[in-house]
Protein backbone atom coordinates (compact mmCIF):
# COMPACT_ATOMS: atom_id res chain seq x y z
CA MET A 1 -43.47 -23.93 68.45
CA LYS A 2 -45.48 -27.08 67.54
CA LYS A 3 -47.10 -25.32 64.66
CA ILE A 4 -43.70 -24.52 63.22
CA ILE A 5 -42.54 -28.17 63.54
CA ILE A 6 -45.74 -29.51 61.95
CA LEU A 7 -45.45 -27.10 59.08
CA GLY A 8 -41.83 -28.09 58.62
CA ILE A 9 -42.68 -31.81 58.51
CA ALA A 10 -45.53 -31.17 56.13
CA ALA A 11 -43.24 -29.30 53.77
CA MET A 12 -40.55 -32.01 53.60
CA PRO A 13 -42.32 -34.24 50.96
CA PHE A 14 -42.56 -31.26 48.66
CA PHE A 15 -38.89 -30.46 49.21
CA PHE A 16 -37.75 -33.99 48.31
CA ALA A 17 -40.14 -34.19 45.40
CA SER A 18 -38.77 -30.93 44.13
CA CYS A 19 -35.19 -32.10 44.45
CA GLY A 20 -35.94 -35.46 42.92
CA GLY A 21 -37.74 -33.86 40.01
CA SER A 22 -34.80 -31.59 39.22
CA GLU A 23 -32.39 -34.53 39.23
CA ALA A 24 -34.66 -36.55 36.97
CA ASP A 25 -35.07 -33.68 34.61
CA ALA A 26 -31.31 -33.25 34.49
CA GLU A 27 -30.81 -36.95 33.74
CA GLY A 28 -33.55 -36.97 31.14
CA THR A 29 -32.27 -33.98 29.19
CA ASP A 30 -30.05 -34.84 26.24
CA THR A 31 -28.32 -31.49 25.60
CA ASP A 32 -24.82 -30.90 24.27
CA SER A 33 -23.62 -27.95 26.34
CA THR A 34 -20.49 -27.62 24.20
CA ALA A 35 -22.43 -26.81 21.01
CA VAL A 36 -21.86 -23.18 19.92
CA THR A 37 -23.65 -21.54 17.06
CA GLU A 38 -21.17 -19.49 15.02
CA HIS A 39 -22.26 -16.33 13.27
CA VAL A 40 -20.07 -15.28 10.37
CA GLU A 41 -20.58 -11.71 9.27
CA GLU A 42 -20.15 -11.16 5.56
CA VAL A 43 -17.96 -8.20 4.62
CA GLU A 44 -18.53 -6.61 1.24
CA THR A 45 -15.62 -6.23 -1.17
CA ILE A 46 -15.69 -3.11 -3.32
CA VAL A 47 -13.55 -2.88 -6.47
CA ASN A 48 -13.03 0.46 -8.19
CA ASN A 49 -10.98 1.59 -11.15
CA TYR A 50 -9.39 5.03 -10.84
CA THR A 51 -7.99 7.40 -13.42
CA VAL A 52 -4.90 9.23 -12.20
CA ASP A 53 -5.40 12.94 -11.61
CA THR A 54 -2.31 14.32 -13.35
CA ALA A 55 -2.86 17.83 -12.01
CA THR A 56 -2.46 16.84 -8.35
CA SER A 57 -0.22 13.75 -8.62
CA VAL A 58 3.50 14.28 -8.23
CA ILE A 59 6.69 12.23 -8.04
CA LYS A 60 9.58 13.53 -5.94
CA TRP A 61 13.22 12.63 -6.60
CA SER A 62 16.50 13.32 -4.86
CA ASN A 63 20.16 12.43 -5.19
CA PHE A 64 22.68 12.24 -2.39
CA HIS A 65 26.16 13.24 -1.33
CA GLY A 66 26.98 10.81 1.42
CA GLU A 67 23.97 10.77 3.75
CA GLU A 68 22.86 14.26 2.78
CA VAL A 69 20.45 15.22 -0.02
CA ASP A 70 22.45 16.97 -2.75
CA HIS A 71 19.65 17.88 -5.17
CA ALA A 72 15.88 17.40 -5.05
CA GLY A 73 13.03 18.03 -7.46
CA THR A 74 9.85 16.69 -9.00
CA VAL A 75 8.59 15.09 -12.17
CA GLY A 76 4.99 15.00 -13.40
CA VAL A 77 2.62 12.20 -14.37
CA LEU A 78 1.44 12.12 -17.99
CA ASN A 79 -1.32 9.53 -17.50
CA GLY A 80 -2.18 6.41 -15.55
CA SER A 81 -4.80 4.30 -13.82
CA PHE A 82 -5.08 1.91 -10.90
CA GLU A 83 -7.59 -0.56 -9.47
CA VAL A 84 -8.25 -0.90 -5.76
CA SER A 85 -10.07 -3.73 -3.99
CA THR A 86 -11.40 -2.74 -0.56
CA THR A 87 -12.68 -5.24 2.02
CA GLY A 88 -13.68 -3.66 5.31
CA GLU A 89 -10.89 -1.23 6.10
CA VAL A 90 -8.23 -2.97 4.00
CA SER A 91 -7.51 -1.57 0.53
CA THR A 92 -5.25 -3.40 -1.92
CA ILE A 93 -3.99 -2.29 -5.32
CA THR A 94 -4.80 -5.05 -7.81
CA SER A 95 -3.55 -3.39 -11.01
CA ALA A 96 -1.83 -0.16 -12.00
CA SER A 97 0.07 1.62 -14.73
CA LEU A 98 1.77 5.00 -14.76
CA VAL A 99 3.41 7.05 -17.50
CA VAL A 100 5.83 9.77 -16.38
CA ASP A 101 6.53 12.89 -18.44
CA MET A 102 10.33 13.22 -18.45
CA ASN A 103 10.12 16.71 -19.95
CA SER A 104 8.46 17.87 -16.73
CA ILE A 105 11.59 17.37 -14.57
CA GLN A 106 12.01 20.28 -12.18
CA GLU A 107 14.74 21.43 -9.78
CA GLU A 108 15.92 24.78 -8.47
CA SER A 109 18.85 24.86 -10.88
CA GLU A 110 17.82 25.33 -14.52
CA LYS A 111 21.34 24.30 -15.52
CA LEU A 112 20.91 20.97 -13.74
CA VAL A 113 17.49 20.43 -15.33
CA SER A 114 19.00 20.92 -18.80
CA HIS A 115 21.76 18.49 -17.91
CA LEU A 116 19.28 15.86 -16.71
CA LYS A 117 17.31 16.16 -19.95
CA ASN A 118 20.26 15.73 -22.29
CA GLU A 119 22.02 12.57 -23.47
CA ASP A 120 24.13 12.32 -20.30
CA PHE A 121 21.08 11.28 -18.29
CA PHE A 122 17.48 10.82 -19.47
CA ASP A 123 17.88 11.86 -23.11
CA VAL A 124 14.29 13.17 -23.27
CA ASN A 125 14.46 13.67 -27.04
CA SER A 126 14.73 9.91 -27.45
CA PHE A 127 12.91 8.80 -24.29
CA ALA A 128 10.17 11.32 -23.55
CA THR A 129 8.43 9.05 -21.05
CA THR A 130 9.22 6.60 -18.28
CA GLU A 131 6.67 3.87 -17.51
CA PHE A 132 5.84 1.95 -14.36
CA THR A 133 4.32 -1.51 -14.78
CA PHE A 134 2.58 -3.00 -11.74
CA ASP A 135 3.31 -6.53 -10.54
CA ARG A 136 1.70 -6.96 -7.11
CA HIS A 137 0.80 -5.34 -3.80
CA GLU A 138 1.68 -7.38 -0.73
CA GLY A 139 1.34 -6.08 2.82
CA ASP A 140 2.55 -2.50 2.71
CA MET A 141 4.82 -2.98 -0.31
CA VAL A 142 4.19 -2.59 -4.03
CA TYR A 143 6.32 -4.37 -6.64
CA GLY A 144 6.75 -3.58 -10.29
CA THR A 145 9.08 -2.55 -13.09
CA LEU A 146 10.25 0.88 -14.19
CA SER A 147 11.16 1.25 -17.86
CA VAL A 148 13.54 4.20 -18.23
CA VAL A 149 15.89 5.11 -21.14
CA GLY A 150 15.00 1.82 -22.78
CA LYS A 151 16.04 -0.32 -19.81
CA GLU A 152 14.22 -1.86 -16.86
CA LEU A 153 14.62 -1.48 -13.10
CA ALA A 154 12.83 -3.56 -10.46
CA VAL A 155 10.82 -1.45 -8.03
CA GLU A 156 9.99 -2.28 -4.40
CA ALA A 157 8.32 0.59 -2.60
CA PRO A 158 6.25 1.09 0.57
CA VAL A 159 2.69 2.25 -0.09
CA SER A 160 -0.49 3.19 1.73
CA VAL A 161 -3.89 3.43 0.05
CA THR A 162 -6.79 5.64 1.08
CA THR A 163 -10.25 5.58 -0.51
CA ASP A 164 -13.04 8.11 -0.02
CA GLY A 165 -16.09 7.70 -2.21
CA ASP A 166 -15.09 8.31 -5.82
CA ASN A 167 -11.58 9.39 -4.83
CA ALA A 168 -8.46 7.46 -3.88
CA SER A 169 -4.89 8.32 -3.06
CA VAL A 170 -1.74 6.21 -3.11
CA SER A 171 1.13 7.44 -0.98
CA VAL A 172 4.44 5.94 -2.06
CA GLY A 173 7.07 6.15 0.67
CA ASP A 174 10.78 6.74 0.24
CA PHE A 175 12.69 4.18 -1.81
CA LYS A 176 15.87 4.17 -3.90
CA LEU A 177 16.83 2.90 -7.35
CA ASP A 178 20.39 2.16 -8.40
CA PHE A 179 20.90 3.80 -11.81
CA THR A 180 24.20 1.98 -12.46
CA SER A 181 22.57 -0.66 -14.66
CA LEU A 182 20.99 2.02 -16.87
CA GLU A 183 24.44 2.75 -18.31
CA MET A 184 23.84 6.47 -18.48
CA PRO A 185 26.91 8.21 -20.02
CA PHE A 186 27.30 10.43 -16.95
CA PHE A 187 27.67 7.50 -14.55
CA ILE A 188 29.89 5.56 -16.96
CA GLU A 189 32.33 8.46 -16.96
CA ASP A 190 31.83 9.19 -13.27
CA VAL A 191 33.40 5.91 -12.13
CA LYS A 192 36.66 7.00 -13.74
CA ALA A 193 36.97 9.88 -11.29
CA PRO A 194 38.64 9.52 -7.86
CA ALA A 195 36.34 7.77 -5.40
CA GLU A 196 35.84 10.90 -3.30
CA GLU A 197 34.61 12.80 -6.36
CA GLN A 198 32.18 10.20 -7.65
CA HIS A 199 28.42 10.72 -7.48
CA ASP A 200 26.02 8.32 -5.78
CA PRO A 201 24.04 6.46 -8.50
CA ASN A 202 21.29 5.61 -6.01
CA ILE A 203 18.40 7.99 -6.62
CA GLY A 204 15.62 8.44 -4.07
CA PHE A 205 11.93 8.63 -4.92
CA SER A 206 8.55 9.10 -3.27
CA ALA A 207 5.14 9.96 -4.74
CA GLU A 208 1.59 11.06 -4.09
CA ILE A 209 -0.79 9.62 -6.69
CA ALA A 210 -4.41 10.79 -6.69
CA GLY A 211 -7.23 9.17 -8.64
CA THR A 212 -10.94 9.49 -9.33
CA VAL A 213 -13.35 6.70 -10.27
CA ALA A 214 -13.31 6.07 -14.01
CA HIS A 215 -16.80 6.41 -15.50
C-alpha cells in the first residue's frame, strides 16, 4: 500500500508539468483555426462544330382539329450546322443554322401534299426552302427565327443536346407556330368560313437533328 502511495506522489510533478506544458503550448501557438484552404477543380470546356446529317435528321409537323391531331407528316433537312460548347455534363448550343427542303414534305395523303406545295400554302415553286436562324440557347429553350414564304416567325422551342465523341444530337420538343401572320391564301380565305368550319392556323413541330464533327 505504501509503495503505491509513494509512486503516486512521485508521479504528481510529472503530471502537473505535463498539464502546464500543454497549456503553455496552447497559449504560445498562433494558429487561425478558421482558415480553410479551398481547392477549385478546373473543368475543361470543349467546343465542337457539327455538320447536320441530312439522312438521319427529320422535322415532324402536325395540324389540329380542336385538341386532336388532324394531319401529321415530316419534312427533310437540306443542309445545316451547329456549334456546341460542353463544360462537364452541360452542353449548350452557341450557333446554328438549318435549311429545310420544302419539296420533301410528306404525309399519308398525296392530295394533301400537293395542296401544301401549291400557292395556297408553301408555294414551293417560289419558296423551295425554309430557313432557321439561331439566336440563343438558354436553359432548356432555344430561340431563333424561321423564314418561311418570305416572312419571319419567332421560334421558342424546348431542346436537349447530347454529345458522344464526334457525334451530337439535338432533340427539339413539341412547339407550335401560328401561321396567321404568314398570310397564306388558304388561311386568308378560311377565316371567311363559319367558325366551326375554320382550320386551326397553329401548326405543331418537333425535330431530331443529328450532326457529326466538321473536319
